[in-house]
Amino acid sequence: MATALRPASKTSKSILPVTGTHSVVSSGLPFGIYSSPAFISGAVDQVAYTYKKLGGDVLDIELNVSQVYSAYEESVLEYSYIINIHQAKNSLNSLLGYTTGSFNQDGQLNVGDAISGSNAALKYPKFKFGYANRVSEASVSEIGLGGTDTLYSASFAVEGGQQDYDLQNIISASSNSNSDNGTGNPVDFSGLVGNRKILVKRVYYTTPRAMWRFFGYYGGINVLGNLTTYGQWADDTTFQVVPVWQNKAQALAYEDAIYTRLSHYSYEITNNKLRLYPYPVKGSSNVDKFWVEFMIPQNPWEEDADKRNGADGINNLNTLPFENIPYKHINSIGKQWIRRFALALAKEMLGQIRGKFASIPIPGESVTLNGDALITQGKEEQEKLREELKTTLDELIYKKLAEDTAGIVESTNKINQTIPALSIYRG
């Protein structure tokens, strides 16, 4: 004999209504990141959309409104996540080294942060050379043509008969004592050297004389270079008309002559230990001091003491000052994607609920639930929507747009070449 079922209630406590209620949306959100009236209206509309798409007017849907609101909020956050990654691909190189921020548990910039409210993710950034500038700065610093590394100068006294000098010890001692070895003056690298190995860039000496270089760099060969009438004299009272390239060539020759033909000394450096050739002879030379130009290496992540170099700024995807995209800045394309993704999430949740029971007994029969099918459909639709959005965005990165524009210009030029030029005909 069949047992009569006497359920305590003939209706489920969790049946999705036809539409949502504005006043309870905020209390049903797990994160509560979005609270604008527009978002709340969108979440309420999503309940009606879910009810219709899942057949709520035919068969009860075992979801409550809070679960739909939660799915809607998650969908907006997922859309914001994908869009922000897309914009990071566009702009990270131009933003490297610039101001970053600190974030709260929701991924929003903390109130009072220097760039709070900037909405950096919504801006069209100026193009910067980014890391290419870092490489260029390092290159020009290495060869002594500029850069951001400070070039210091120090001097040391030479001793007659002493050929070897330890530049590391000399400059380190000057840094510790704040007194230049050669001049006794205070140094601008006081306390900066420590045990860091300096990078020597140049060693030189000076011999100031009233007649120094009076003959220019042609002294001793009796010509000016182009064999004109005034021989070796190269003062500023004699002029000739020459092409610009000759002046540039003379300038290069002049610089080269200073180091090649006019120097009395040469040197070699090994491990910051200097050896002079020939060794100084006491009393036989008026060169009593040598000068050294050098750099003090810094850790790459350290900021300069007197200015910001970007070391504490944006360095990768994680430090971009990108918040969750404000709901009001999501257009119709984004909002439709959000509706579809929220529906897919609702399908998965409904499948999880129905999957707890393989079937429900009814008098004389049982109803098989489609929990597994809903879970599979929901997950597949979510992945499909993600890939659809990512694929579209990959076609719209700035680099791709520039390539497409170049193609349009090239095609336009080809079309213009086929248009007959305006001609004047005479009868």
Protein backbone atom coordinates (compact mmCIF):
# COMPACT_ATOMS: atom_id res chain seq x y z
CA MET A 1 0.00 0.00 0.00
CA ALA A 2 1.44 3.37 -1.05
CA THR A 3 2.28 5.83 1.66
CA ALA A 4 0.49 9.14 1.38
CA LEU A 5 2.87 12.12 1.44
CA ARG A 6 1.88 14.85 3.83
CA PRO A 7 4.44 17.67 3.35
CA ALA A 8 4.62 20.33 6.01
CA SER A 9 4.39 22.93 3.27
CA LYS A 10 3.21 22.66 -0.30
CA THR A 11 5.41 25.55 -1.42
CA SER A 12 9.18 25.98 -1.25
CA LYS A 13 10.66 28.68 0.94
CA SER A 14 13.05 29.60 -1.90
CA ILE A 15 11.09 30.31 -5.04
CA LEU A 16 12.27 33.09 -7.32
CA PRO A 17 9.61 35.81 -7.64
CA VAL A 18 8.66 37.46 -10.91
CA THR A 19 10.69 40.57 -10.13
CA GLY A 20 13.00 41.92 -7.46
CA THR A 21 12.60 44.65 -4.87
CA HIS A 22 14.73 47.78 -4.80
CA SER A 23 14.79 48.08 -1.03
CA VAL A 24 16.43 44.68 -0.40
CA VAL A 25 19.12 44.66 -3.08
CA SER A 26 21.92 46.10 -0.94
CA SER A 27 21.35 43.58 1.86
CA GLY A 28 21.66 40.70 -0.62
CA LEU A 29 25.07 41.66 -2.02
CA PRO A 30 28.13 39.77 -0.70
CA PHE A 31 30.58 42.62 -1.33
CA GLY A 32 28.38 45.68 -1.55
CA ILE A 33 30.86 47.41 -3.86
CA TYR A 34 28.12 48.84 -6.05
CA SER A 35 25.24 50.78 -4.51
CA SER A 36 24.20 53.38 -7.07
CA PRO A 37 20.50 53.64 -7.99
CA ALA A 38 21.33 52.55 -11.55
CA PHE A 39 23.03 49.38 -10.30
CA ILE A 40 20.16 48.55 -7.95
CA SER A 41 17.67 48.97 -10.80
CA GLY A 42 19.80 46.72 -12.98
CA ALA A 43 19.89 44.04 -10.27
CA VAL A 44 16.11 44.20 -9.86
CA ASP A 45 15.62 43.86 -13.62
CA GLN A 46 17.96 40.85 -13.61
CA VAL A 47 15.50 38.97 -11.38
CA ALA A 48 12.76 39.36 -13.99
CA TYR A 49 15.17 38.40 -16.77
CA THR A 50 16.32 35.27 -14.91
CA TYR A 51 12.72 34.32 -14.06
CA LYS A 52 11.71 34.42 -17.72
CA LYS A 53 14.84 32.77 -19.17
CA LEU A 54 14.73 29.84 -16.73
CA GLY A 55 10.99 29.23 -17.19
CA GLY A 56 9.75 30.51 -13.87
CA ASP A 57 6.25 31.01 -15.24
CA VAL A 58 6.10 27.26 -16.04
CA LEU A 59 8.08 25.63 -13.23
CA ASP A 60 9.30 27.00 -9.93
CA ILE A 61 12.92 28.18 -9.79
CA GLU A 62 14.61 27.23 -6.54
CA LEU A 63 16.55 30.48 -6.16
CA ASN A 64 15.99 33.50 -3.99
CA VAL A 65 16.45 37.11 -5.08
CA SER A 66 19.67 37.53 -3.08
CA GLN A 67 21.34 34.87 -5.19
CA VAL A 68 20.41 36.73 -8.37
CA TYR A 69 21.64 40.02 -6.90
CA SER A 70 24.89 38.28 -5.95
CA ALA A 71 25.26 36.92 -9.49
CA TYR A 72 24.65 40.37 -10.93
CA GLU A 73 27.31 41.97 -8.71
CA GLU A 74 29.80 39.22 -9.57
CA SER A 75 29.11 39.77 -13.27
CA VAL A 76 29.85 43.49 -13.02
CA LEU A 77 33.09 42.73 -11.17
CA GLU A 78 34.06 40.11 -13.76
CA TYR A 79 33.42 42.58 -16.57
CA SER A 80 35.49 45.21 -14.75
CA TYR A 81 38.31 42.68 -14.26
CA ILE A 82 38.50 41.78 -17.95
CA ILE A 83 38.26 45.40 -19.12
CA ASN A 84 40.98 46.51 -16.70
CA ILE A 85 43.33 43.79 -17.94
CA HIS A 86 42.64 44.94 -21.50
CA GLN A 87 43.46 48.54 -20.57
CA ALA A 88 46.59 47.37 -18.76
CA LYS A 89 47.81 45.84 -22.04
CA ASN A 90 47.19 49.21 -23.70
CA SER A 91 48.80 51.50 -21.18
CA LEU A 92 51.18 49.68 -18.80
CA ASN A 93 54.28 50.66 -20.76
CA SER A 94 53.30 54.35 -20.68
CA LEU A 95 52.45 54.26 -16.96
CA LEU A 96 55.62 52.57 -15.67
CA GLY A 97 57.25 54.57 -12.89
CA TYR A 98 54.29 56.89 -12.33
CA THR A 99 52.22 57.23 -9.17
CA THR A 100 50.54 54.13 -7.79
CA GLY A 101 48.15 53.88 -4.87
CA SER A 102 46.99 51.76 -1.95
CA PHE A 103 43.83 49.68 -2.12
CA ASN A 104 41.20 48.43 0.31
CA GLN A 105 39.69 44.95 0.50
CA ASP A 106 37.35 45.68 -2.43
CA GLY A 107 40.11 46.81 -4.79
CA GLN A 108 39.15 50.47 -4.44
CA LEU A 109 41.75 53.17 -3.79
CA ASN A 110 41.80 54.16 -0.13
CA VAL A 111 40.08 57.42 0.71
CA GLY A 112 42.65 60.19 1.00
CA ASP A 113 45.13 58.44 -1.29
CA ALA A 114 47.06 60.81 -3.55
CA ILE A 115 45.26 59.59 -6.68
CA SER A 116 41.93 58.62 -5.13
CA GLY A 117 39.09 59.56 -7.46
CA SER A 118 41.34 59.84 -10.51
CA ASN A 119 39.58 56.98 -12.37
CA ALA A 120 42.86 56.16 -14.10
CA ALA A 121 41.38 53.08 -15.76
CA LEU A 122 38.93 55.32 -17.64
CA LYS A 123 41.53 57.76 -18.96
CA TYR A 124 43.13 57.85 -22.39
CA PRO A 125 46.81 58.06 -21.36
CA LYS A 126 49.51 60.01 -23.13
CA PHE A 127 52.05 57.82 -24.85
CA LYS A 128 55.34 57.47 -22.98
CA PHE A 129 58.37 55.39 -23.85
CA GLY A 130 58.19 53.60 -20.50
CA TYR A 131 60.84 50.97 -20.00
CA ALA A 132 62.61 52.04 -23.19
CA ASN A 133 63.48 55.27 -21.35
CA ARG A 134 64.99 53.23 -18.52
CA VAL A 135 67.20 51.39 -21.00
CA SER A 136 68.22 54.64 -22.71
CA GLU A 137 69.01 56.33 -19.40
CA ALA A 138 71.22 53.42 -18.36
CA SER A 139 72.99 53.45 -21.73
CA VAL A 140 73.79 57.16 -21.76
CA SER A 141 74.85 57.02 -18.11
CA GLU A 142 77.24 54.19 -18.89
CA ILE A 143 78.99 56.13 -21.66
CA GLY A 144 78.89 59.45 -19.81
CA LEU A 145 76.49 61.37 -22.03
CA GLY A 146 73.83 62.10 -19.44
CA GLY A 147 71.27 59.87 -17.79
CA THR A 148 69.89 59.92 -14.26
CA ASP A 149 72.92 58.60 -12.34
CA THR A 150 74.91 61.31 -10.57
CA LEU A 151 78.47 61.78 -11.78
CA TYR A 152 80.77 62.76 -8.89
CA SER A 153 84.24 64.26 -9.02
CA ALA A 154 87.15 63.89 -6.62
CA SER A 155 90.87 64.64 -6.66
CA PHE A 156 93.92 63.09 -5.06
CA ALA A 157 97.48 64.26 -4.61
CA VAL A 158 100.24 62.42 -6.46
CA GLU A 159 103.53 61.56 -4.83
CA GLY A 160 106.90 61.57 -6.55
CA GLY A 161 108.00 58.04 -7.34
CA GLN A 162 104.60 56.54 -6.47
CA GLN A 163 103.03 54.90 -9.48
CA ASP A 164 100.04 53.01 -7.95
CA TYR A 165 96.98 54.57 -6.25
CA ASP A 166 93.95 52.80 -4.79
CA LEU A 167 91.05 54.98 -5.96
CA GLN A 168 88.50 52.97 -3.97
CA ASN A 169 90.27 53.63 -0.68
CA ILE A 170 91.02 57.27 -1.54
CA ILE A 171 87.42 58.12 -2.43
CA SER A 172 85.92 56.03 0.38
CA ALA A 173 88.13 57.90 2.88
CA SER A 174 87.04 61.23 1.38
CA SER A 175 83.39 60.15 1.69
CA ASN A 176 83.85 59.21 5.35
CA SER A 177 85.77 62.37 6.29
CA ASN A 178 83.85 64.76 3.99
CA SER A 179 87.20 66.08 2.81
CA ASP A 180 88.65 65.83 -0.68
CA ASN A 181 92.08 64.15 -0.74
CA GLY A 182 93.56 66.61 -3.20
CA THR A 183 91.97 69.94 -2.26
CA GLY A 184 90.75 69.42 1.31
CA ASN A 185 87.35 70.84 0.36
CA PRO A 186 84.04 69.26 1.45
CA VAL A 187 82.70 66.64 -0.99
CA ASP A 188 79.17 66.19 -2.32
CA PHE A 189 79.30 62.42 -1.87
CA SER A 190 79.83 62.51 1.89
CA GLY A 191 78.61 59.30 3.53
CA LEU A 192 77.42 57.78 0.24
CA VAL A 193 80.24 55.40 -0.65
CA GLY A 194 80.55 53.08 2.33
CA ASN A 195 81.52 49.63 1.06
CA ARG A 196 80.04 50.16 -2.41
CA LYS A 197 82.44 49.73 -5.28
CA ILE A 198 82.60 52.97 -7.25
CA LEU A 199 82.42 53.04 -11.05
CA VAL A 200 85.33 55.10 -12.37
CA LYS A 201 84.41 56.93 -15.57
CA ARG A 202 87.33 59.25 -16.20
CA VAL A 203 90.81 60.09 -14.88
CA TYR A 204 92.42 63.38 -15.90
CA TYR A 205 94.68 66.22 -14.80
CA THR A 206 94.89 69.95 -15.61
CA THR A 207 97.85 72.23 -16.28
CA PRO A 208 96.52 75.79 -16.38
CA ARG A 209 98.81 78.18 -18.30
CA ALA A 210 98.27 81.59 -19.81
CA MET A 211 99.46 80.33 -23.23
CA TRP A 212 97.68 76.95 -22.97
CA ARG A 213 96.46 75.86 -26.42
CA PHE A 214 97.36 79.20 -27.96
CA PHE A 215 98.41 77.28 -31.04
CA GLY A 216 95.21 75.20 -31.04
CA TYR A 217 95.49 71.49 -31.75
CA TYR A 218 97.80 72.07 -34.74
CA GLY A 219 100.71 73.42 -32.71
CA GLY A 220 103.96 71.82 -33.80
CA ILE A 221 102.88 70.78 -37.30
CA ASN A 222 102.77 74.34 -38.74
CA VAL A 223 99.43 73.92 -40.50
CA LEU A 224 95.83 74.64 -39.65
CA GLY A 225 94.54 71.51 -41.24
CA ASN A 226 93.57 72.90 -44.61
CA LEU A 227 97.06 74.35 -45.32
CA THR A 228 95.92 77.99 -45.50
CA THR A 229 98.20 81.00 -45.07
CA TYR A 230 98.23 81.47 -41.31
CA GLY A 231 100.06 78.30 -40.36
CA GLN A 232 99.75 76.98 -36.83
CA TRP A 233 98.10 80.05 -35.33
CA ALA A 234 94.51 79.34 -34.34
CA ASP A 235 93.34 82.32 -32.30
CA ASP A 236 89.87 83.88 -32.52
CA THR A 237 90.92 86.81 -34.76
CA THR A 238 91.43 84.82 -37.94
CA PHE A 239 88.41 83.68 -39.92
CA GLN A 240 87.70 81.63 -42.99
CA VAL A 241 84.54 80.43 -44.70
CA VAL A 242 84.19 76.66 -44.43
CA PRO A 243 81.34 74.16 -44.75
CA VAL A 244 79.65 73.01 -41.56
CA TRP A 245 80.90 69.44 -41.91
CA GLN A 246 84.49 70.72 -41.74
CA ASN A 247 83.79 72.41 -38.41
CA LYS A 248 82.34 69.18 -37.04
CA ALA A 249 85.35 67.20 -38.27
CA GLN A 250 87.72 69.73 -36.71
CA ALA A 251 85.83 69.53 -33.41
CA LEU A 252 86.24 65.76 -33.35
CA ALA A 253 89.92 66.05 -34.20
CA TYR A 254 90.34 68.67 -31.48
CA GLU A 255 88.82 66.45 -28.81
CA ASP A 256 90.87 63.48 -29.95
CA ALA A 257 94.08 65.49 -29.95
CA ILE A 258 93.59 66.49 -26.31
CA TYR A 259 93.72 62.87 -25.20
CA THR A 260 96.06 61.47 -27.84
CA ARG A 261 98.72 64.11 -28.50
CA LEU A 262 98.65 66.58 -25.60
CA SER A 263 98.63 64.28 -22.56
CA HIS A 264 101.87 63.66 -20.69
CA TYR A 265 100.48 60.63 -18.90
CA SER A 266 98.58 57.45 -19.58
CA TYR A 267 97.09 55.01 -17.09
CA GLU A 268 95.46 51.68 -16.55
CA ILE A 269 92.83 50.70 -13.97
CA THR A 270 92.29 47.24 -12.52
CA ASN A 271 89.70 46.78 -9.78
CA ASN A 272 89.76 50.55 -9.13
CA LYS A 273 93.53 50.50 -8.62
CA LEU A 274 95.22 53.13 -10.77
CA ARG A 275 98.71 52.83 -12.28
CA LEU A 276 100.26 55.94 -13.90
CA TYR A 277 102.68 55.90 -16.84
CA PRO A 278 105.32 57.24 -16.51
CA TYR A 279 105.48 57.35 -12.74
CA PRO A 280 105.62 60.88 -11.31
CA VAL A 281 109.08 62.22 -10.52
CA LYS A 282 109.12 64.52 -7.55
CA GLY A 283 110.06 68.07 -8.51
CA SER A 284 110.10 67.38 -12.25
CA SER A 285 106.41 68.01 -13.00
CA ASN A 286 103.89 70.68 -12.20
CA VAL A 287 101.11 68.07 -12.04
CA ASP A 288 100.39 67.71 -8.33
CA LYS A 289 96.78 66.46 -8.47
CA PHE A 290 94.76 64.04 -10.55
CA TRP A 291 90.96 64.15 -10.87
CA VAL A 292 88.55 61.25 -10.99
CA GLU A 293 84.96 61.24 -12.23
CA PHE A 294 82.95 58.33 -10.86
CA MET A 295 79.49 57.03 -10.03
CA ILE A 296 78.20 55.35 -6.89
CA PRO A 297 76.02 52.32 -7.74
CA GLN A 298 72.51 52.25 -6.29
CA ASN A 299 70.13 49.38 -5.84
CA PRO A 300 67.76 49.48 -8.83
CA TRP A 301 64.72 49.72 -6.52
CA GLU A 302 66.00 52.73 -4.54
CA GLU A 303 64.65 56.24 -5.09
CA ASP A 304 67.15 59.06 -5.48
CA ALA A 305 67.66 61.12 -2.34
CA ASP A 306 66.82 64.45 -4.01
CA LYS A 307 64.15 63.46 -6.56
CA ARG A 308 61.75 60.71 -7.58
CA ASN A 309 63.00 58.40 -10.31
CA GLY A 310 59.91 56.20 -10.41
CA ALA A 311 61.31 53.29 -8.40
CA ASP A 312 58.35 53.52 -6.00
CA GLY A 313 55.85 53.92 -8.84
CA ILE A 314 53.98 51.54 -11.10
CA ASN A 315 56.09 48.51 -11.97
CA ASN A 316 53.62 45.88 -13.20
CA LEU A 317 49.96 44.93 -13.50
CA ASN A 318 49.48 44.72 -9.72
CA THR A 319 50.42 48.34 -8.98
CA LEU A 320 48.29 49.96 -11.69
CA PRO A 321 45.85 52.36 -9.95
CA PHE A 322 42.85 50.66 -11.55
CA GLU A 323 39.70 50.43 -9.44
CA ASN A 324 36.50 48.54 -10.20
CA ILE A 325 34.84 50.31 -13.12
CA PRO A 326 31.98 52.56 -11.90
CA TYR A 327 28.63 51.15 -12.99
CA LYS A 328 27.60 54.42 -14.65
CA HIS A 329 30.61 54.19 -16.99
CA ILE A 330 29.60 50.79 -18.41
CA ASN A 331 27.88 51.20 -21.77
CA SER A 332 25.13 49.13 -23.40
CA ILE A 333 27.64 46.59 -24.74
CA GLY A 334 28.97 45.93 -21.26
CA LYS A 335 25.56 45.84 -19.59
CA GLN A 336 24.26 43.22 -22.00
CA TRP A 337 27.35 41.09 -21.38
CA ILE A 338 26.71 41.45 -17.63
CA ARG A 339 23.09 40.29 -17.98
CA ARG A 340 24.11 37.21 -19.94
CA PHE A 341 26.94 36.35 -17.53
CA ALA A 342 24.68 36.80 -14.49
CA LEU A 343 22.16 34.43 -16.08
CA ALA A 344 24.91 31.83 -16.60
CA LEU A 345 25.90 32.18 -12.93
CA ALA A 346 22.26 31.76 -11.90
CA LYS A 347 22.06 28.57 -13.97
CA GLU A 348 25.10 27.15 -12.20
CA MET A 349 23.70 28.05 -8.77
CA LEU A 350 20.33 26.51 -9.61
CA GLY A 351 22.13 23.38 -10.79
CA GLN A 352 24.05 23.17 -7.52
CA ILE A 353 20.77 23.38 -5.59
CA ARG A 354 18.90 20.84 -7.71
CA GLY A 355 21.93 18.57 -7.73
CA LYS A 356 21.48 17.93 -4.01
CA PHE A 357 18.52 15.72 -4.95
CA ALA A 358 18.55 13.34 -7.92
CA SER A 359 14.75 13.29 -7.91
CA ILE A 360 11.75 14.41 -5.90
CA PRO A 361 9.08 11.82 -5.05
CA ILE A 362 5.48 12.61 -5.86
CA PRO A 363 2.41 10.38 -5.35
CA GLY A 364 2.87 7.38 -7.59
CA GLU A 365 5.89 8.86 -9.41
CA SER A 366 9.08 10.94 -9.03
CA VAL A 367 10.45 14.01 -10.78
CA THR A 368 14.05 13.85 -12.03
CA LEU A 369 15.87 17.17 -11.61
CA ASN A 370 18.30 18.61 -14.16
CA GLY A 371 20.99 19.76 -11.73
CA ASP A 372 23.99 18.34 -13.60
CA ALA A 373 22.83 19.75 -16.93
CA LEU A 374 22.36 23.23 -15.45
CA ILE A 375 25.83 23.18 -13.88
CA THR A 376 27.43 22.17 -17.18
CA GLN A 377 25.47 24.74 -19.18
CA GLY A 378 26.21 27.51 -16.71
CA LYS A 379 29.96 26.90 -16.65
CA GLU A 380 30.19 26.53 -20.43
CA GLU A 381 28.26 29.75 -21.02
CA GLN A 382 30.46 31.63 -18.56
CA GLU A 383 33.64 30.47 -20.30
CA LYS A 384 32.18 31.26 -23.71
CA LEU A 385 31.25 34.78 -22.62
CA ARG A 386 34.72 35.38 -21.18
CA GLU A 387 36.41 34.23 -24.38
CA GLU A 388 34.03 36.27 -26.51
CA LEU A 389 34.85 39.45 -24.60
CA LYS A 390 38.60 38.77 -24.45
CA THR A 391 38.78 37.99 -28.17
CA THR A 392 36.95 41.20 -29.04
CA LEU A 393 39.16 43.28 -26.76
CA ASP A 394 42.35 41.74 -28.17
CA GLU A 395 41.30 43.06 -31.58
CA LEU A 396 40.94 46.55 -30.08
CA ILE A 397 44.26 47.10 -28.29
CA TYR A 398 45.98 50.35 -29.25
CA LYS A 399 48.71 48.54 -31.16
CA LYS A 400 46.14 46.68 -33.26
CA LEU A 401 44.18 49.87 -33.91
CA ALA A 402 47.36 51.60 -35.12
CA GLU A 403 48.07 48.68 -37.46
CA ASP A 404 44.50 48.80 -38.79
CA THR A 405 44.76 52.55 -39.33
CA ALA A 406 47.99 52.08 -41.27
CA GLY A 407 46.22 49.50 -43.43
CA ILE A 408 43.32 51.86 -44.08
CA VAL A 409 45.69 54.67 -45.09
CA GLU A 410 47.61 52.35 -47.42
CA SER A 411 44.41 51.09 -49.02
CA THR A 412 43.10 54.63 -49.42
CA ASN A 413 46.30 55.69 -51.15
CA LYS A 414 45.99 52.77 -53.57
CA ILE A 415 42.41 53.77 -54.37
CA ASN A 416 43.44 57.40 -54.91
CA GLN A 417 46.10 56.27 -57.39
CA THR A 418 43.37 54.84 -59.63
CA ILE A 419 41.45 58.13 -59.80
CA PRO A 420 42.35 60.04 -63.01
CA ALA A 421 44.18 63.28 -62.33
CA LEU A 422 42.47 66.52 -63.33
CA SER A 423 43.64 67.44 -66.84
CA ILE A 424 43.07 70.49 -69.00
CA TYR A 425 42.01 69.70 -72.56
CA ARG A 426 42.43 72.21 -75.36
CA GLY A 427 40.19 72.00 -78.44
